[in-house]
Amino acid sequence: MSRLDLGKYSDIITIMKDRMNMAGNIEIYVDGASRGNPGPSGIGIFIRDKDGKDIIRRGEFLGEMTSNVAEYQALIQGLKHLIKLNPHDASKLSVKVFSDSILLINQLTGNYRIKSQNLIPLAIQARRLVKRFKAVEFTVVERRDNKIADKLANKAMNLMDTIDELAQG
């Protein structure tokens, strides 16, 4: 299954669409984690609408990679989920991205150079996805302010699986 193919999650996507108030700003909290560097890794994605309603709480086990690659994957997957939920209206969305990865945010905003060759394709992919939205604002947050995404990433690593906490409807 390609990373963009969410076919087996179509019921979950329908539930999430019903929850969304997509006019205005959407907030995405992302976190990538690795036990060892490289080591078993997971991502956490927490998305809520402008009214503060939870849309997605998702953790994914990714296998073995570095923590920096996992941070990029969390952002990329979070943006892909938003596009999947709004395939025709993504260009109307203003998105606020929150991450506790200083490296990720500063590389994407151009404050840091990307020195690691394995991060360059991920940065290119992330920037292409960012261009699909009306506006994207990146903010570094303290780890304590990114608890939900962190918890989801760790839960996915513990279970070595994908979890959708809002999938119950």
C-alpha atoms as a PDB file:
ATOM      1  CA  MET A   1       0.000   0.000   0.000  1.00  0.00           C
ATOM      2  CA  SER A   2       1.426   3.392  -0.905  1.00  0.00           C
ATOM      3  CA  ARG A   3       1.449   5.986   1.829  1.00  0.00           C
ATOM      4  CA  LEU A   4      -1.189   8.116   0.071  1.00  0.00           C
ATOM      5  CA  ASP A   5      -3.546   5.191  -0.540  1.00  0.00           C
ATOM      6  CA  LEU A   6      -5.926   5.322   2.401  1.00  0.00           C
ATOM      7  CA  GLY A   7      -8.485   3.048   0.782  1.00  0.00           C
ATOM      8  CA  LYS A   8      -8.858   0.629   3.668  1.00  0.00           C
ATOM      9  CA  TYR A   9      -9.454   3.622   5.940  1.00  0.00           C
ATOM     10  CA  SER A  10     -12.280   5.078   3.834  1.00  0.00           C
ATOM     11  CA  ASP A  11     -14.888   4.552   6.586  1.00  0.00           C
ATOM     12  CA  ILE A  12     -12.661   6.373   9.052  1.00  0.00           C
ATOM     13  CA  ILE A  13     -12.170   9.213   6.567  1.00  0.00           C
ATOM     14  CA  THR A  14     -15.960   9.545   6.163  1.00  0.00           C
ATOM     15  CA  ILE A  15     -16.419   9.783   9.935  1.00  0.00           C
ATOM     16  CA  MET A  16     -13.713  12.407  10.136  1.00  0.00           C
ATOM     17  CA  LYS A  17     -15.211  14.480   7.324  1.00  0.00           C
ATOM     18  CA  ASP A  18     -18.473  14.605   9.241  1.00  0.00           C
ATOM     19  CA  ARG A  19     -16.634  16.073  12.238  1.00  0.00           C
ATOM     20  CA  MET A  20     -14.869  18.847  10.368  1.00  0.00           C
ATOM     21  CA  ASN A  21     -15.505  22.547  10.239  1.00  0.00           C
ATOM     22  CA  MET A  22     -12.923  23.359   7.611  1.00  0.00           C
ATOM     23  CA  ALA A  23     -13.573  27.087   7.206  1.00  0.00           C
ATOM     24  CA  GLY A  24     -10.612  28.919   8.703  1.00  0.00           C
ATOM     25  CA  ASN A  25      -7.554  27.556  10.397  1.00  0.00           C
ATOM     26  CA  ILE A  26      -6.751  23.917  10.947  1.00  0.00           C
ATOM     27  CA  GLU A  27      -4.174  22.921  13.540  1.00  0.00           C
ATOM     28  CA  ILE A  28      -1.865  19.948  13.061  1.00  0.00           C
ATOM     29  CA  TYR A  29       0.362  18.682  15.855  1.00  0.00           C
ATOM     30  CA  VAL A  30       2.973  16.210  14.636  1.00  0.00           C
ATOM     31  CA  ASP A  31       5.631  14.135  16.310  1.00  0.00           C
ATOM     32  CA  GLY A  32       8.095  11.556  15.135  1.00  0.00           C
ATOM     33  CA  ALA A  33       9.871   9.263  17.559  1.00  0.00           C
ATOM     34  CA  SER A  34      12.593   6.660  17.361  1.00  0.00           C
ATOM     35  CA  ARG A  35      13.889   4.250  19.983  1.00  0.00           C
ATOM     36  CA  GLY A  36      17.532   4.279  19.022  1.00  0.00           C
ATOM     37  CA  ASN A  37      18.801   6.384  16.199  1.00  0.00           C
ATOM     38  CA  PRO A  38      18.053   4.640  13.920  1.00  0.00           C
ATOM     39  CA  GLY A  39      15.614   2.347  15.621  1.00  0.00           C
ATOM     40  CA  PRO A  40      11.949   1.347  15.726  1.00  0.00           C
ATOM     41  CA  SER A  41       9.991   4.485  14.901  1.00  0.00           C
ATOM     42  CA  GLY A  42       6.497   5.867  14.962  1.00  0.00           C
ATOM     43  CA  ILE A  43       4.619   9.050  14.225  1.00  0.00           C
ATOM     44  CA  GLY A  44       1.772  10.845  15.908  1.00  0.00           C
ATOM     45  CA  ILE A  45      -0.668  13.155  14.132  1.00  0.00           C
ATOM     46  CA  PHE A  46      -3.292  15.219  15.924  1.00  0.00           C
ATOM     47  CA  ILE A  47      -5.524  17.477  13.802  1.00  0.00           C
ATOM     48  CA  ARG A  48      -8.306  19.754  15.004  1.00  0.00           C
ATOM     49  CA  ASP A  49     -10.532  22.290  13.297  1.00  0.00           C
ATOM     50  CA  LYS A  50     -10.920  25.997  13.993  1.00  0.00           C
ATOM     51  CA  ASP A  51     -13.475  25.301  16.706  1.00  0.00           C
ATOM     52  CA  GLY A  52     -11.071  23.018  18.558  1.00  0.00           C
ATOM     53  CA  LYS A  53     -12.919  19.842  17.545  1.00  0.00           C
ATOM     54  CA  ASP A  54     -10.647  16.808  17.184  1.00  0.00           C
ATOM     55  CA  ILE A  55     -10.582  15.507  13.629  1.00  0.00           C
ATOM     56  CA  ILE A  56      -7.716  13.011  13.605  1.00  0.00           C
ATOM     57  CA  ARG A  57      -5.747  11.329  16.356  1.00  0.00           C
ATOM     58  CA  ARG A  58      -3.517   8.858  14.575  1.00  0.00           C
ATOM     59  CA  GLY A  59      -0.352   6.964  15.342  1.00  0.00           C
ATOM     60  CA  GLU A  60       1.581   4.917  12.815  1.00  0.00           C
ATOM     61  CA  PHE A  61       4.421   2.474  13.305  1.00  0.00           C
ATOM     62  CA  LEU A  62       7.017   3.086  10.587  1.00  0.00           C
ATOM     63  CA  GLY A  63       9.710   0.484  11.172  1.00  0.00           C
ATOM     64  CA  GLU A  64      13.353   1.369  11.562  1.00  0.00           C
ATOM     65  CA  MET A  65      14.539   4.914  10.838  1.00  0.00           C
ATOM     66  CA  THR A  66      16.090   7.936  12.498  1.00  0.00           C
ATOM     67  CA  SER A  67      14.133  10.332  14.660  1.00  0.00           C
ATOM     68  CA  ASN A  68      14.627  13.159  12.130  1.00  0.00           C
ATOM     69  CA  VAL A  69      13.200  11.047   9.305  1.00  0.00           C
ATOM     70  CA  ALA A  70      10.265  10.137  11.572  1.00  0.00           C
ATOM     71  CA  GLU A  71       9.632  13.856  12.282  1.00  0.00           C
ATOM     72  CA  TYR A  72       9.444  14.576   8.545  1.00  0.00           C
ATOM     73  CA  GLN A  73       7.200  11.543   7.983  1.00  0.00           C
ATOM     74  CA  ALA A  74       4.823  12.786  10.682  1.00  0.00           C
ATOM     75  CA  LEU A  75       4.463  16.142   8.929  1.00  0.00           C
ATOM     76  CA  ILE A  76       4.123  14.596   5.471  1.00  0.00           C
ATOM     77  CA  GLN A  77       1.467  12.119   6.603  1.00  0.00           C
ATOM     78  CA  GLY A  78      -0.412  14.818   8.519  1.00  0.00           C
ATOM     79  CA  LEU A  79      -0.577  17.034   5.440  1.00  0.00           C
ATOM     80  CA  LYS A  80      -1.614  14.068   3.265  1.00  0.00           C
ATOM     81  CA  HIS A  81      -4.451  13.272   5.653  1.00  0.00           C
ATOM     82  CA  LEU A  82      -5.706  16.860   5.410  1.00  0.00           C
ATOM     83  CA  ILE A  83      -5.573  16.715   1.616  1.00  0.00           C
ATOM     84  CA  LYS A  84      -7.402  13.364   1.630  1.00  0.00           C
ATOM     85  CA  LEU A  85     -10.135  14.879   3.806  1.00  0.00           C
ATOM     86  CA  ASN A  86     -10.386  17.931   1.516  1.00  0.00           C
ATOM     87  CA  PRO A  87      -9.202  16.939  -1.957  1.00  0.00           C
ATOM     88  CA  HIS A  88     -10.910  19.890  -3.685  1.00  0.00           C
ATOM     89  CA  ASP A  89     -10.712  22.473  -0.928  1.00  0.00           C
ATOM     90  CA  ALA A  90      -7.163  22.080   0.413  1.00  0.00           C
ATOM     91  CA  SER A  91      -6.155  25.302  -1.352  1.00  0.00           C
ATOM     92  CA  LYS A  92      -8.699  27.161   0.790  1.00  0.00           C
ATOM     93  CA  LEU A  93      -7.261  25.946   4.101  1.00  0.00           C
ATOM     94  CA  SER A  94      -4.921  27.839   6.362  1.00  0.00           C
ATOM     95  CA  VAL A  95      -2.920  25.343   8.374  1.00  0.00           C
ATOM     96  CA  LYS A  96      -0.974  25.837  11.580  1.00  0.00           C
ATOM     97  CA  VAL A  97       1.650  23.140  12.104  1.00  0.00           C
ATOM     98  CA  PHE A  98       3.015  22.543  15.591  1.00  0.00           C
ATOM     99  CA  SER A  99       6.030  20.352  16.280  1.00  0.00           C
ATOM    100  CA  ASP A 100       8.564  19.982  19.038  1.00  0.00           C
ATOM    101  CA  SER A 101      11.283  19.356  16.430  1.00  0.00           C
ATOM    102  CA  ILE A 102      13.377  22.495  16.199  1.00  0.00           C
ATOM    103  CA  LEU A 103      15.293  20.937  13.297  1.00  0.00           C
ATOM    104  CA  LEU A 104      12.170  20.151  11.251  1.00  0.00           C
ATOM    105  CA  ILE A 105      10.603  23.577  11.651  1.00  0.00           C
ATOM    106  CA  ASN A 106      13.821  25.503  11.056  1.00  0.00           C
ATOM    107  CA  GLN A 107      14.735  23.460   7.984  1.00  0.00           C
ATOM    108  CA  LEU A 108      11.299  23.937   6.437  1.00  0.00           C
ATOM    109  CA  THR A 109      11.270  27.668   7.128  1.00  0.00           C
ATOM    110  CA  GLY A 110      14.767  28.079   5.686  1.00  0.00           C
ATOM    111  CA  ASN A 111      16.446  29.039   8.958  1.00  0.00           C
ATOM    112  CA  TYR A 112      18.625  25.891   8.912  1.00  0.00           C
ATOM    113  CA  ARG A 113      20.337  24.277   5.948  1.00  0.00           C
ATOM    114  CA  ILE A 114      19.538  20.635   5.321  1.00  0.00           C
ATOM    115  CA  LYS A 115      22.848  18.856   5.652  1.00  0.00           C
ATOM    116  CA  SER A 116      21.635  15.264   5.827  1.00  0.00           C
ATOM    117  CA  GLN A 117      21.176  13.830   2.340  1.00  0.00           C
ATOM    118  CA  ASN A 118      18.380  11.505   3.449  1.00  0.00           C
ATOM    119  CA  LEU A 119      16.280  14.472   4.652  1.00  0.00           C
ATOM    120  CA  ILE A 120      16.466  16.449   1.386  1.00  0.00           C
ATOM    121  CA  PRO A 121      13.841  14.360  -0.509  1.00  0.00           C
ATOM    122  CA  LEU A 122      11.551  14.495   2.535  1.00  0.00           C
ATOM    123  CA  ALA A 123      11.892  18.274   2.757  1.00  0.00           C
ATOM    124  CA  ILE A 124      11.086  18.562  -0.957  1.00  0.00           C
ATOM    125  CA  GLN A 125       8.027  16.346  -0.508  1.00  0.00           C
ATOM    126  CA  ALA A 126       6.861  18.354   2.521  1.00  0.00           C
ATOM    127  CA  ARG A 127       7.292  21.657   0.663  1.00  0.00           C
ATOM    128  CA  ARG A 128       5.285  20.341  -2.300  1.00  0.00           C
ATOM    129  CA  LEU A 129       2.460  19.396   0.044  1.00  0.00           C
ATOM    130  CA  VAL A 130       2.619  22.780   1.800  1.00  0.00           C
ATOM    131  CA  LYS A 131       2.058  24.505  -1.563  1.00  0.00           C
ATOM    132  CA  ARG A 132      -1.345  22.783  -1.846  1.00  0.00           C
ATOM    133  CA  PHE A 133      -2.746  24.893   0.999  1.00  0.00           C
ATOM    134  CA  LYS A 134      -3.724  28.551   1.159  1.00  0.00           C
ATOM    135  CA  ALA A 135      -1.196  29.171   3.937  1.00  0.00           C
ATOM    136  CA  VAL A 136       0.907  27.087   6.298  1.00  0.00           C
ATOM    137  CA  GLU A 137       2.438  28.473   9.464  1.00  0.00           C
ATOM    138  CA  PHE A 138       5.087  26.475  11.342  1.00  0.00           C
ATOM    139  CA  THR A 139       5.559  26.794  15.096  1.00  0.00           C
ATOM    140  CA  VAL A 140       7.984  25.058  17.440  1.00  0.00           C
ATOM    141  CA  VAL A 141       6.275  24.030  20.678  1.00  0.00           C
ATOM    142  CA  GLU A 142       7.588  22.574  23.892  1.00  0.00           C
ATOM    143  CA  ARG A 143       7.267  18.826  24.178  1.00  0.00           C
ATOM    144  CA  ARG A 144       4.661  19.263  26.943  1.00  0.00           C
ATOM    145  CA  ASP A 145       2.501  21.188  24.433  1.00  0.00           C
ATOM    146  CA  ASN A 146       2.713  18.320  21.946  1.00  0.00           C
ATOM    147  CA  LYS A 147       1.617  15.564  24.355  1.00  0.00           C
ATOM    148  CA  ILE A 148      -1.124  14.086  22.206  1.00  0.00           C
ATOM    149  CA  ALA A 149       1.027  13.582  19.099  1.00  0.00           C
ATOM    150  CA  ASP A 150       3.893  12.279  21.262  1.00  0.00           C
ATOM    151  CA  LYS A 151       1.569   9.801  22.999  1.00  0.00           C
ATOM    152  CA  LEU A 152       0.232   8.571  19.639  1.00  0.00           C
ATOM    153  CA  ALA A 153       3.740   8.052  18.236  1.00  0.00           C
ATOM    154  CA  ASN A 154       4.799   6.088  21.309  1.00  0.00           C
ATOM    155  CA  LYS A 155       1.599   4.038  21.368  1.00  0.00           C
ATOM    156  CA  ALA A 156       2.110   3.111  17.696  1.00  0.00           C
ATOM    157  CA  MET A 157       5.698   2.040  18.466  1.00  0.00           C
ATOM    158  CA  ASN A 158       4.562  -0.011  21.479  1.00  0.00           C
ATOM    159  CA  LEU A 159       1.865  -1.781  19.463  1.00  0.00           C
ATOM    160  CA  MET A 160       3.933  -1.852  16.254  1.00  0.00           C
ATOM    161  CA  ASP A 161       0.738  -0.890  14.461  1.00  0.00           C
ATOM    162  CA  THR A 162      -1.477   1.970  13.278  1.00  0.00           C
ATOM    163  CA  ILE A 163      -3.995   3.435  15.705  1.00  0.00           C
ATOM    164  CA  ASP A 164      -6.928   5.720  15.042  1.00  0.00           C
ATOM    165  CA  GLU A 165      -8.324   6.939  18.350  1.00  0.00           C
ATOM    166  CA  LEU A 166     -11.328   8.763  16.842  1.00  0.00           C
ATOM    167  CA  ALA A 167     -12.319   5.963  14.475  1.00  0.00           C
ATOM    168  CA  GLN A 168     -15.107   4.778  16.756  1.00  0.00           C
ATOM    169  CA  GLY A 169     -17.342   7.597  15.557  1.00  0.00           C
END
